[in-house]
Protein backbone atom coordinates (compact mmCIF):
# COMPACT_ATOMS: atom_id res chain seq x y z
CA MET A 1 -13.41 -27.33 -36.23
CA ASN A 2 -13.70 -31.10 -35.84
CA LEU A 3 -16.67 -32.95 -34.37
CA SER A 4 -15.09 -33.25 -30.93
CA ASP A 5 -14.37 -29.50 -30.76
CA LYS A 6 -17.93 -28.73 -31.90
CA ALA A 7 -19.27 -30.92 -29.12
CA LYS A 8 -17.05 -29.17 -26.55
CA THR A 9 -18.17 -25.76 -27.83
CA PHE A 10 -21.84 -26.71 -27.70
CA GLY A 11 -21.47 -28.13 -24.19
CA PHE A 12 -19.61 -25.03 -23.02
CA GLU A 13 -22.28 -22.68 -24.40
CA GLN A 14 -25.03 -24.70 -22.70
CA ALA A 15 -23.11 -24.59 -19.41
CA ILE A 16 -22.83 -20.79 -19.62
CA LYS A 17 -26.59 -20.48 -20.21
CA TYR A 18 -27.30 -22.84 -17.32
CA LEU A 19 -25.16 -20.81 -14.92
CA GLU A 20 -26.78 -17.54 -15.98
CA LYS A 21 -30.21 -18.72 -14.81
CA ASP A 22 -29.24 -19.03 -11.13
CA PRO A 23 -25.47 -18.88 -10.44
CA GLU A 24 -25.58 -19.53 -6.69
CA THR A 25 -27.73 -22.64 -7.13
CA ASN A 26 -26.19 -23.94 -10.34
CA ILE A 27 -22.45 -23.41 -9.75
CA PRO A 28 -22.25 -26.40 -7.35
CA LYS A 29 -24.40 -28.57 -9.64
CA LEU A 30 -22.34 -27.83 -12.73
CA ALA A 31 -19.03 -28.26 -10.89
CA GLY A 32 -20.22 -31.67 -9.69
CA LEU A 33 -21.24 -32.66 -13.22
CA VAL A 34 -17.88 -31.56 -14.68
CA ASN A 35 -16.09 -33.46 -11.93
CA HIS A 36 -18.03 -36.57 -12.88
CA ILE A 37 -17.53 -36.24 -16.65
CA LEU A 38 -13.81 -35.37 -16.83
CA LYS A 39 -11.20 -38.08 -16.67
CA LYS A 40 -9.72 -38.54 -13.19
CA GLU A 41 -6.28 -37.32 -14.27
CA GLU A 42 -7.48 -34.11 -15.96
CA PHE A 43 -7.16 -30.76 -14.13
CA VAL A 44 -6.98 -32.57 -10.79
CA GLU A 45 -5.74 -29.69 -8.61
CA GLN A 46 -7.99 -27.11 -10.28
CA ARG A 47 -11.10 -29.26 -9.83
CA LYS A 48 -10.21 -29.97 -6.23
CA ALA A 49 -9.78 -26.24 -5.54
CA VAL A 50 -13.13 -25.36 -7.13
CA MET A 51 -15.03 -28.06 -5.26
CA ASN A 52 -13.36 -27.05 -2.00
CA ALA A 53 -14.29 -23.38 -2.51
CA ILE A 54 -17.91 -24.27 -3.24
CA GLU A 55 -18.16 -26.58 -0.25
CA LYS A 56 -16.69 -24.03 2.17
CA LYS A 57 -18.30 -21.00 0.46
CA ASP A 58 -14.98 -19.25 1.12
CA ASN A 59 -13.35 -16.16 -0.41
CA TRP A 60 -12.82 -17.96 -3.74
CA TYR A 61 -16.52 -18.79 -3.91
CA GLN A 62 -17.35 -15.16 -3.16
CA LEU A 63 -15.06 -14.15 -6.04
CA MET A 64 -16.99 -16.50 -8.35
CA LEU A 65 -20.24 -14.80 -7.35
CA LYS A 66 -18.72 -11.33 -7.89
CA ILE A 67 -18.19 -12.27 -11.53
CA TYR A 68 -21.99 -12.55 -11.78
CA GLU A 69 -22.36 -8.90 -10.86
CA LEU A 70 -20.70 -7.97 -14.18
CA ASP A 71 -22.36 -7.14 -17.49
CA ALA A 72 -23.77 -10.48 -18.70
CA ASP A 73 -22.49 -10.27 -22.30
CA THR A 74 -19.00 -9.23 -21.17
CA ARG A 75 -18.94 -12.10 -18.69
CA SER A 76 -20.01 -14.65 -21.31
CA THR A 77 -17.39 -13.36 -23.74
CA PHE A 78 -14.69 -13.71 -21.08
CA PHE A 79 -15.73 -17.31 -20.38
CA ARG A 80 -15.78 -18.12 -24.09
CA ASN A 81 -12.55 -16.38 -25.12
CA PHE A 82 -10.37 -16.98 -22.08
CA ILE A 83 -11.51 -20.35 -20.79
CA MET A 84 -12.53 -22.03 -24.04
CA ASN A 85 -10.44 -20.41 -26.81
CA GLU A 86 -7.26 -19.63 -24.86
CA ASN A 87 -7.15 -22.70 -22.63
CA ILE A 88 -9.43 -25.57 -23.67
CA PHE A 89 -8.60 -25.15 -27.38
CA GLY A 90 -5.54 -22.88 -27.36
CA TRP A 91 -3.34 -24.69 -24.85
CA PRO A 92 -3.31 -28.05 -26.73
CA GLU A 93 -2.52 -26.17 -29.95
CA GLN A 94 0.36 -24.39 -28.24
CA GLU A 95 1.67 -27.71 -26.93
CA LYS A 96 1.46 -29.27 -30.38
CA ASN A 97 3.42 -26.38 -31.90
CA ARG A 98 6.05 -26.49 -29.14
CA GLU A 99 6.72 -30.06 -30.16
CA LYS A 100 6.45 -29.38 -33.88
CA TYR A 101 8.78 -26.37 -34.03
CA GLY A 102 11.12 -27.24 -31.15
CA CYS A 103 10.80 -23.84 -29.50
CA ASN A 104 8.72 -21.99 -26.94
CA ILE A 105 5.19 -20.97 -27.92
CA PRO A 106 3.66 -18.21 -25.77
CA TRP A 107 0.42 -18.46 -23.80
CA ALA A 108 0.22 -14.64 -23.93
CA ILE A 109 1.83 -11.92 -26.05
CA LEU A 110 2.63 -8.47 -24.63
CA LEU A 111 2.57 -5.56 -27.08
CA ASP A 112 3.55 -1.90 -26.77
CA PRO A 113 1.16 -0.09 -29.15
CA THR A 114 3.09 3.12 -28.48
CA SER A 115 6.01 4.54 -26.55
CA ALA A 116 3.96 7.66 -25.84
CA CYS A 117 2.72 8.30 -22.32
CA ASN A 118 1.04 11.20 -20.58
CA LEU A 119 2.98 10.46 -17.36
CA LYS A 120 6.65 9.99 -16.45
CA CYS A 121 6.77 7.62 -13.50
CA THR A 122 9.91 7.05 -11.45
CA GLY A 123 11.57 3.77 -12.36
CA CYS A 124 9.49 3.07 -15.47
CA TRP A 125 11.63 1.73 -18.32
CA ALA A 126 9.06 2.96 -20.86
CA ALA A 127 9.79 6.55 -19.87
CA GLU A 128 13.21 6.09 -21.49
CA TYR A 129 11.68 5.25 -24.88
CA GLY A 130 10.50 8.72 -25.77
CA HIS A 131 7.19 9.40 -27.53
CA LYS A 132 7.97 8.71 -31.18
CA LEU A 133 7.49 4.96 -31.58
CA ASN A 134 4.32 3.13 -32.55
CA LEU A 135 3.24 -0.27 -33.80
CA SER A 136 0.77 0.38 -36.59
CA TYR A 137 -2.69 -1.14 -36.56
CA GLU A 138 -1.51 -3.44 -39.34
CA ASP A 139 1.54 -4.49 -37.29
CA MET A 140 -0.60 -5.45 -34.30
CA ASP A 141 -3.20 -7.16 -36.45
CA SER A 142 -0.49 -9.28 -38.10
CA ILE A 143 1.04 -10.24 -34.75
CA ILE A 144 -2.36 -11.34 -33.44
CA GLU A 145 -3.09 -13.34 -36.60
CA GLN A 146 0.28 -15.09 -36.33
CA GLY A 147 -0.25 -15.72 -32.63
CA LYS A 148 -3.68 -17.26 -33.17
CA ALA A 149 -2.21 -19.60 -35.76
CA LEU A 150 0.08 -20.91 -33.00
CA GLY A 151 -2.78 -21.22 -30.47
CA THR A 152 -2.43 -17.90 -28.59
CA TYR A 153 -5.64 -15.99 -27.82
CA LEU A 154 -4.51 -13.67 -25.01
CA TYR A 155 -2.91 -10.28 -25.82
CA ILE A 156 -1.72 -7.81 -23.21
CA TYR A 157 -0.95 -4.16 -23.95
CA THR A 158 1.85 -2.35 -22.15
CA GLY A 159 3.61 0.87 -23.04
CA GLY A 160 3.97 3.81 -22.93
CA GLU A 161 0.33 4.34 -22.12
CA PRO A 162 -1.60 1.96 -24.39
CA LEU A 163 -4.83 3.96 -24.23
CA VAL A 164 -3.15 6.74 -26.21
CA ARG A 165 -4.07 4.33 -29.05
CA LYS A 166 -7.55 3.46 -27.73
CA GLN A 167 -9.29 3.68 -31.12
CA ASP A 168 -6.95 1.14 -32.73
CA LEU A 169 -7.18 -1.13 -29.68
CA ILE A 170 -10.97 -1.18 -29.94
CA ARG A 171 -10.71 -1.96 -33.69
CA LEU A 172 -8.51 -4.94 -32.83
CA CYS A 173 -11.05 -6.11 -30.24
CA GLU A 174 -13.72 -5.97 -32.95
CA LYS A 175 -11.72 -7.84 -35.56
CA HIS A 176 -10.40 -10.47 -33.15
CA SER A 177 -13.59 -11.05 -31.21
CA ASP A 178 -12.38 -14.56 -30.35
CA CYS A 179 -9.44 -13.20 -28.28
CA MET A 180 -9.09 -11.61 -24.84
CA PHE A 181 -7.25 -8.32 -24.49
CA LEU A 182 -5.79 -6.98 -21.26
CA CYS A 183 -4.24 -3.55 -20.83
CA PHE A 184 -1.86 -2.18 -18.19
CA THR A 185 -2.90 1.45 -17.89
CA ASN A 186 -2.48 4.49 -15.67
CA SER A 187 -6.27 4.84 -16.17
CA THR A 188 -6.25 8.60 -16.75
CA LEU A 189 -7.73 8.14 -20.26
CA ILE A 190 -10.65 5.94 -19.16
CA ASP A 191 -13.90 7.88 -19.48
CA GLU A 192 -17.61 7.17 -19.94
CA ASN A 193 -17.33 6.90 -23.72
CA PHE A 194 -14.51 4.38 -23.47
CA CYS A 195 -16.56 2.32 -21.00
CA LYS A 196 -19.35 2.22 -23.58
CA GLU A 197 -16.86 0.98 -26.18
CA MET A 198 -15.66 -1.72 -23.79
CA LEU A 199 -19.27 -2.82 -23.25
CA ARG A 200 -19.73 -2.94 -27.00
CA VAL A 201 -16.69 -5.10 -27.84
CA LYS A 202 -16.85 -7.14 -24.58
CA ASN A 203 -13.28 -8.52 -24.71
CA PHE A 204 -11.11 -5.75 -23.22
CA ILE A 205 -10.03 -5.69 -19.56
CA PRO A 206 -7.95 -2.89 -18.00
CA SER A 207 -5.47 -3.40 -15.17
CA ILE A 208 -5.00 -0.09 -13.37
CA SER A 209 -1.56 0.77 -12.05
CA LEU A 210 -1.41 1.82 -8.40
CA GLU A 211 1.55 2.31 -6.10
CA GLY A 212 -0.43 2.31 -2.87
CA PHE A 213 -2.52 5.08 -1.37
CA GLU A 214 -2.59 8.68 -2.57
CA GLU A 215 0.71 9.97 -1.17
CA ALA A 216 2.79 6.99 -2.35
CA ASN A 217 1.04 6.76 -5.70
CA ASP A 218 1.30 10.44 -6.59
CA SER A 219 4.91 10.69 -5.39
CA ARG A 220 5.83 8.32 -8.24
CA ARG A 221 3.15 9.06 -10.83
CA GLY A 222 2.34 12.74 -10.33
CA LYS A 223 -0.11 14.85 -8.34
CA GLY A 224 -3.76 14.02 -8.92
CA VAL A 225 -3.17 10.65 -10.62
CA TYR A 226 -4.50 8.66 -7.63
CA SER A 227 -7.75 10.60 -7.72
CA LYS A 228 -8.12 9.95 -11.45
CA ALA A 229 -7.49 6.23 -10.89
CA MET A 230 -10.26 6.15 -8.26
CA ASP A 231 -12.60 7.89 -10.69
CA ALA A 232 -11.76 5.37 -13.43
CA MET A 233 -12.40 2.41 -11.10
CA GLN A 234 -15.74 3.88 -10.08
CA LEU A 235 -16.70 4.33 -13.74
CA LEU A 236 -15.79 0.73 -14.52
CA LYS A 237 -17.70 -0.55 -11.50
CA ASP A 238 -20.78 1.53 -12.37
CA ASN A 239 -20.72 0.08 -15.90
CA LYS A 240 -20.33 -3.48 -14.52
CA LEU A 241 -17.03 -3.95 -16.34
CA PRO A 242 -14.26 -6.31 -15.17
CA PHE A 243 -10.94 -4.78 -14.17
CA GLY A 244 -7.96 -5.37 -11.96
CA VAL A 245 -5.06 -3.53 -10.37
CA SER A 246 -1.33 -3.82 -11.06
CA VAL A 247 1.21 -2.92 -8.38
CA CYS A 248 4.96 -2.43 -8.60
CA TYR A 249 6.20 -3.05 -5.09
CA THR A 250 9.31 -1.26 -3.87
CA SER A 251 11.31 -0.74 -0.70
CA VAL A 252 9.17 2.35 -0.12
CA ASN A 253 5.60 1.15 -0.74
CA TRP A 254 5.73 -2.61 0.01
CA ASN A 255 4.07 -2.30 3.42
CA ASP A 256 1.13 -0.26 2.14
CA VAL A 257 0.36 -2.35 -0.94
CA THR A 258 0.18 -5.59 1.06
CA SER A 259 -1.83 -4.13 3.93
CA VAL A 260 -5.38 -5.16 4.85
CA GLU A 261 -6.47 -1.59 4.15
CA PHE A 262 -5.11 -1.58 0.59
CA TYR A 263 -6.61 -4.98 -0.23
CA ASP A 264 -9.99 -3.96 1.16
CA MET A 265 -9.89 -0.68 -0.74
CA ILE A 266 -9.30 -2.22 -4.18
CA ILE A 267 -11.82 -5.00 -3.49
CA ASN A 268 -14.48 -2.48 -2.46
CA MET A 269 -13.75 -0.46 -5.60
CA GLY A 270 -14.55 -3.57 -7.66
CA ALA A 271 -11.17 -5.03 -8.65
CA LEU A 272 -11.29 -8.75 -9.44
CA PHE A 273 -7.54 -9.34 -9.59
CA VAL A 274 -4.26 -7.77 -8.51
CA TRP A 275 -0.89 -8.33 -10.18
CA PHE A 276 2.19 -7.71 -8.05
CA PHE A 277 5.47 -6.89 -9.81
CA HIS A 278 8.89 -6.63 -8.21
CA TYR A 279 10.62 -3.33 -8.99
CA MET A 280 13.27 -4.00 -11.67
CA PRO A 281 16.26 -1.62 -12.00
CA VAL A 282 16.00 -1.25 -15.77
CA GLY A 283 17.12 1.75 -17.81
CA THR A 284 19.26 4.82 -17.20
CA GLY A 285 16.79 6.21 -14.67
CA ALA A 286 16.82 3.05 -12.55
CA VAL A 287 17.00 3.41 -8.77
CA PRO A 288 18.44 0.17 -7.32
CA GLU A 289 17.58 1.34 -3.82
CA LEU A 290 13.90 0.83 -4.70
CA MET A 291 14.38 -2.96 -4.82
CA VAL A 292 12.96 -4.62 -1.71
CA ASN A 293 15.46 -6.14 0.69
CA PRO A 294 15.29 -9.86 1.64
CA GLU A 295 13.30 -9.24 4.84
CA GLN A 296 10.74 -7.14 2.98
CA ARG A 297 10.42 -9.69 0.19
CA ILE A 298 9.82 -12.53 2.67
CA GLU A 299 7.09 -10.52 4.40
CA LEU A 300 5.50 -9.73 1.01
CA TYR A 301 5.60 -13.41 0.14
CA LYS A 302 3.87 -14.37 3.40
CA ARG A 303 1.22 -11.65 3.33
CA ILE A 304 0.08 -12.24 -0.24
CA ARG A 305 -0.26 -15.99 0.38
CA GLU A 306 -2.22 -15.39 3.57
CA PHE A 307 -4.61 -13.00 1.82
CA ARG A 308 -5.32 -15.68 -0.79
CA LYS A 309 -7.03 -17.60 1.99
CA THR A 310 -9.32 -14.76 3.07
CA LYS A 311 -9.77 -12.06 0.39
CA ALA A 312 -12.15 -12.27 -2.57
CA ILE A 313 -9.61 -11.22 -5.19
CA PHE A 314 -7.25 -13.17 -7.45
CA ALA A 315 -3.68 -12.15 -6.56
CA ILE A 316 -0.52 -13.01 -8.50
CA ASP A 317 2.97 -12.21 -7.22
CA PHE A 318 5.12 -12.82 -10.28
CA GLN A 319 8.45 -12.95 -8.53
CA ASN A 320 7.37 -15.22 -5.67
CA ASP A 321 4.86 -17.46 -7.49
CA ALA A 322 7.20 -19.16 -9.93
CA GLN A 323 6.51 -22.55 -8.31
CA TYR A 324 3.06 -22.54 -9.92
CA VAL A 325 4.45 -22.11 -13.44
CA GLY A 326 7.77 -23.95 -13.20
CA GLY A 327 10.11 -20.95 -13.06
CA CYS A 328 10.75 -18.11 -15.50
CA ILE A 329 7.90 -17.73 -18.00
CA ALA A 330 9.71 -15.32 -20.36
CA GLY A 331 11.39 -16.05 -23.69
CA GLY A 332 8.08 -17.25 -25.10
CA ARG A 333 7.76 -20.09 -22.59
CA ARG A 334 4.51 -18.47 -21.49
CA TYR A 335 4.92 -14.94 -22.81
CA LEU A 336 7.11 -12.53 -24.78
CA HIS A 337 7.22 -8.77 -25.30
CA ILE A 338 7.16 -6.75 -28.52
CA ASN A 339 8.09 -3.10 -28.10
CA ALA A 340 6.77 -0.14 -30.06
CA ALA A 341 9.70 -0.36 -32.50
CA GLY A 342 8.86 -4.00 -33.27
CA ASP A 343 11.75 -5.56 -31.35
CA VAL A 344 10.80 -8.97 -29.95
CA ASP A 345 12.14 -9.13 -26.40
CA PRO A 346 12.17 -12.26 -24.24
CA CYS A 347 10.78 -10.29 -21.28
CA VAL A 348 9.06 -6.99 -20.63
CA PHE A 349 11.94 -6.16 -18.28
CA ILE A 350 14.82 -7.61 -20.35
CA HIS A 351 15.42 -5.65 -23.54
CA TYR A 352 17.88 -7.71 -25.59
CA SER A 353 16.93 -9.32 -28.88
CA ASN A 354 18.01 -10.73 -32.25
CA ALA A 355 14.63 -10.23 -33.91
CA ASN A 356 12.28 -7.48 -35.06
CA ILE A 357 8.72 -8.24 -36.14
CA HIS A 358 9.16 -6.02 -39.21
CA ASP A 359 11.95 -8.30 -40.48
CA CYS A 360 10.76 -11.76 -39.48
CA THR A 361 7.72 -13.77 -38.51
CA LEU A 362 6.64 -14.37 -34.94
CA LEU A 363 7.72 -18.00 -35.23
CA GLU A 364 11.15 -16.99 -36.56
CA ALA A 365 11.54 -14.65 -33.58
CA LEU A 366 10.73 -17.56 -31.24
CA GLN A 367 13.47 -19.57 -32.97
CA SER A 368 16.03 -16.73 -32.78
CA PRO A 369 19.22 -17.25 -30.72
CA ILE A 370 18.17 -15.39 -27.54
CA PHE A 371 14.78 -17.11 -27.45
CA MET A 372 16.35 -20.52 -27.97
CA ALA A 373 18.77 -19.75 -25.13
CA TYR A 374 15.75 -19.21 -22.90
CA HIS A 375 14.10 -22.37 -24.23
CA ASN A 376 17.19 -24.47 -23.56
CA GLY A 377 18.04 -22.87 -20.20
CA GLN A 378 14.70 -22.81 -18.39
CA PRO A 379 14.26 -23.18 -15.49
CA PHE A 380 17.25 -21.04 -14.62
CA ASN A 381 17.31 -22.24 -11.03
CA ASP A 382 15.94 -25.27 -9.18
CA ASN A 383 14.84 -22.90 -6.43
CA MET A 384 11.53 -21.48 -7.63
CA LEU A 385 12.05 -18.43 -5.41
CA ARG A 386 15.02 -17.54 -7.62
CA PRO A 387 13.48 -17.79 -11.11
CA CYS A 388 14.75 -14.74 -13.00
CA PRO A 389 17.96 -14.68 -15.10
CA MET A 390 18.37 -10.97 -14.37
CA LEU A 391 17.24 -10.38 -10.79
CA GLU A 392 18.33 -13.58 -9.02
CA ASN A 393 20.78 -15.13 -11.51
CA PRO A 394 22.42 -12.18 -13.29
CA GLU A 395 25.39 -14.25 -14.46
CA ILE A 396 23.01 -16.33 -16.58
CA LEU A 397 21.54 -13.35 -18.43
CA CYS A 398 25.03 -11.97 -19.14
CA GLU A 399 26.08 -15.30 -20.59
CA MET A 400 22.95 -15.70 -22.74
CA VAL A 401 23.20 -12.21 -24.23
CA LYS A 402 26.91 -12.59 -25.02
CA LYS A 403 26.58 -16.06 -26.56
CA THR A 404 23.61 -15.15 -28.74
CA GLY A 405 24.85 -11.75 -29.87
CA ALA A 406 21.60 -10.12 -28.76
CA HIS A 407 21.64 -6.32 -28.73
CA SER A 408 19.93 -3.77 -26.52
CA THR A 409 16.52 -2.82 -27.86
CA ASP A 410 16.12 0.32 -25.78
CA PRO A 411 15.89 2.91 -28.59
CA GLN A 412 16.51 5.89 -26.33
CA SER A 413 19.27 4.88 -23.91
CA PRO A 414 20.69 1.43 -24.74
CA GLU A 415 22.64 -0.17 -21.94
CA SER A 416 24.97 -3.14 -21.97
CA VAL A 417 23.91 -6.32 -20.22
CA GLU A 418 26.87 -5.85 -17.87
CA GLU A 419 25.53 -2.44 -16.80
CA LEU A 420 22.07 -3.87 -16.18
CA CYS A 421 23.18 -6.95 -14.27
CA ALA A 422 25.68 -5.01 -12.17
CA ARG A 423 22.66 -3.46 -10.43
CA THR A 424 21.32 -6.85 -9.34
CA VAL A 425 24.47 -8.76 -8.31
CA LYS A 426 24.37 -7.60 -4.69
CA TYR A 427 20.62 -8.19 -4.52
CA ALA A 428 21.02 -11.76 -5.83
CA GLU A 429 23.77 -12.51 -3.32
CA GLN A 430 21.69 -11.22 -0.41
CA TRP A 431 18.51 -13.01 -1.50
CA GLU A 432 20.08 -16.43 -2.20
CA PRO A 433 20.50 -17.67 1.41
CA GLU A 434 17.05 -16.41 2.40
CA ALA A 435 15.42 -17.98 -0.66
CA ASP A 436 17.24 -21.26 -0.07
CA GLN A 437 16.13 -21.27 3.56
CA LEU A 438 12.51 -20.83 2.46
CA TRP A 439 12.61 -23.26 -0.43
CA TYR A 440 14.79 -26.09 0.82
CA LYS A 441 14.12 -25.98 4.55
CA GLY A 442 10.69 -24.40 4.78
CA ASP A 443 7.23 -25.16 3.39
CA PHE A 444 8.61 -26.59 0.14
CA CYS A 445 11.18 -28.99 1.63
CA LYS A 446 11.36 -32.24 -0.35
CA GLY A 447 14.01 -33.86 1.84
CA CYS A 448 16.76 -33.42 -0.76
CA SER A 449 20.50 -33.29 -0.16
CA LYS A 450 20.43 -29.50 0.18
CA CYS A 451 18.62 -29.88 3.51
CA VAL A 452 21.59 -31.66 5.05
């Protein structure tokens, strides 16, 4: 660590201690000091948003204060690992390596520790994998070491049900205490003992999968799962642990999961964030009818943005928020996915690859043909409401897979890219005019030729 980085680290640690003394009084003071110290061109929009929230004492300010209801050591570790390691130090290192190696370098890496799961949810691609595949502890440790060398300090577990491997995941938290770990989980394996382990390691955050209220949730996940999720959230709240909720919205549940009642419920239970995912028709058990129609997607888009102005929770709608990240973030541009067999996929929903982590390094996977096709093709559409090469631009995914010779990495029921994309062609055609109306003639209009 050079002198400049040491100074930043020292200053950051002092700022954390200062905030801990009296958050409500010191948040505005520290924000003002940071605003004064930073160069005018650095983090302009972020600083403006923070100062605006503090001045108005709005829902974002209330969310800041909610963070100070958490366990103090866990909170400090999150600030240190996520804000300082992953962003202040990690982001410049990622940028340097993007330039150095001429390929995408991920901000986050998704890992499937196992294909095993204690549930079989409708429309879940992982259910097709069977229960026999696992990344060993050594596999995951190596991936994290390689990722850190490239500047990546955020690791997200998917599955299967990742908490089937909870002992190994805690060991990785211990060894890589400078990283943040997030886990998408059905929550049924969260108990008091695991909460104690989370308090001990301080760098593990669960995101609990919900499909709405009890009837909708259990119709997809199984009877009694909703009740277990509520119990898990209460345990986490009682132990002052951070957690969020992840939602797959469909043509059946979209209205419930973007209702005032649902938002208020998860906020009252203690959730700090909610991730919204569009249902993707992946795998042999896919149900294309579960994809939302254009009218439903537009209403989702509007509701989630409105709630950002009033609700004290951080909400991300991955399919409709591409404008904030410049389009598709897969293919290592911001993240990649490594399944339980070691296949390195460009996306958690797109299972075609030329690389397996058992046969190559992480960097070599990022330089493989399919990943370079993503690198060279992004963004896949100028309309940021049509970011995905599978859902909104299926012809692009077909072309990339064919040109690069990538193969299906679904070990249970491999499907051709033509079979996959055939399920989204009609959707893409129906969504295009609505998305163009929103993007080119609505709130985002830049006065370009497409408006004529």
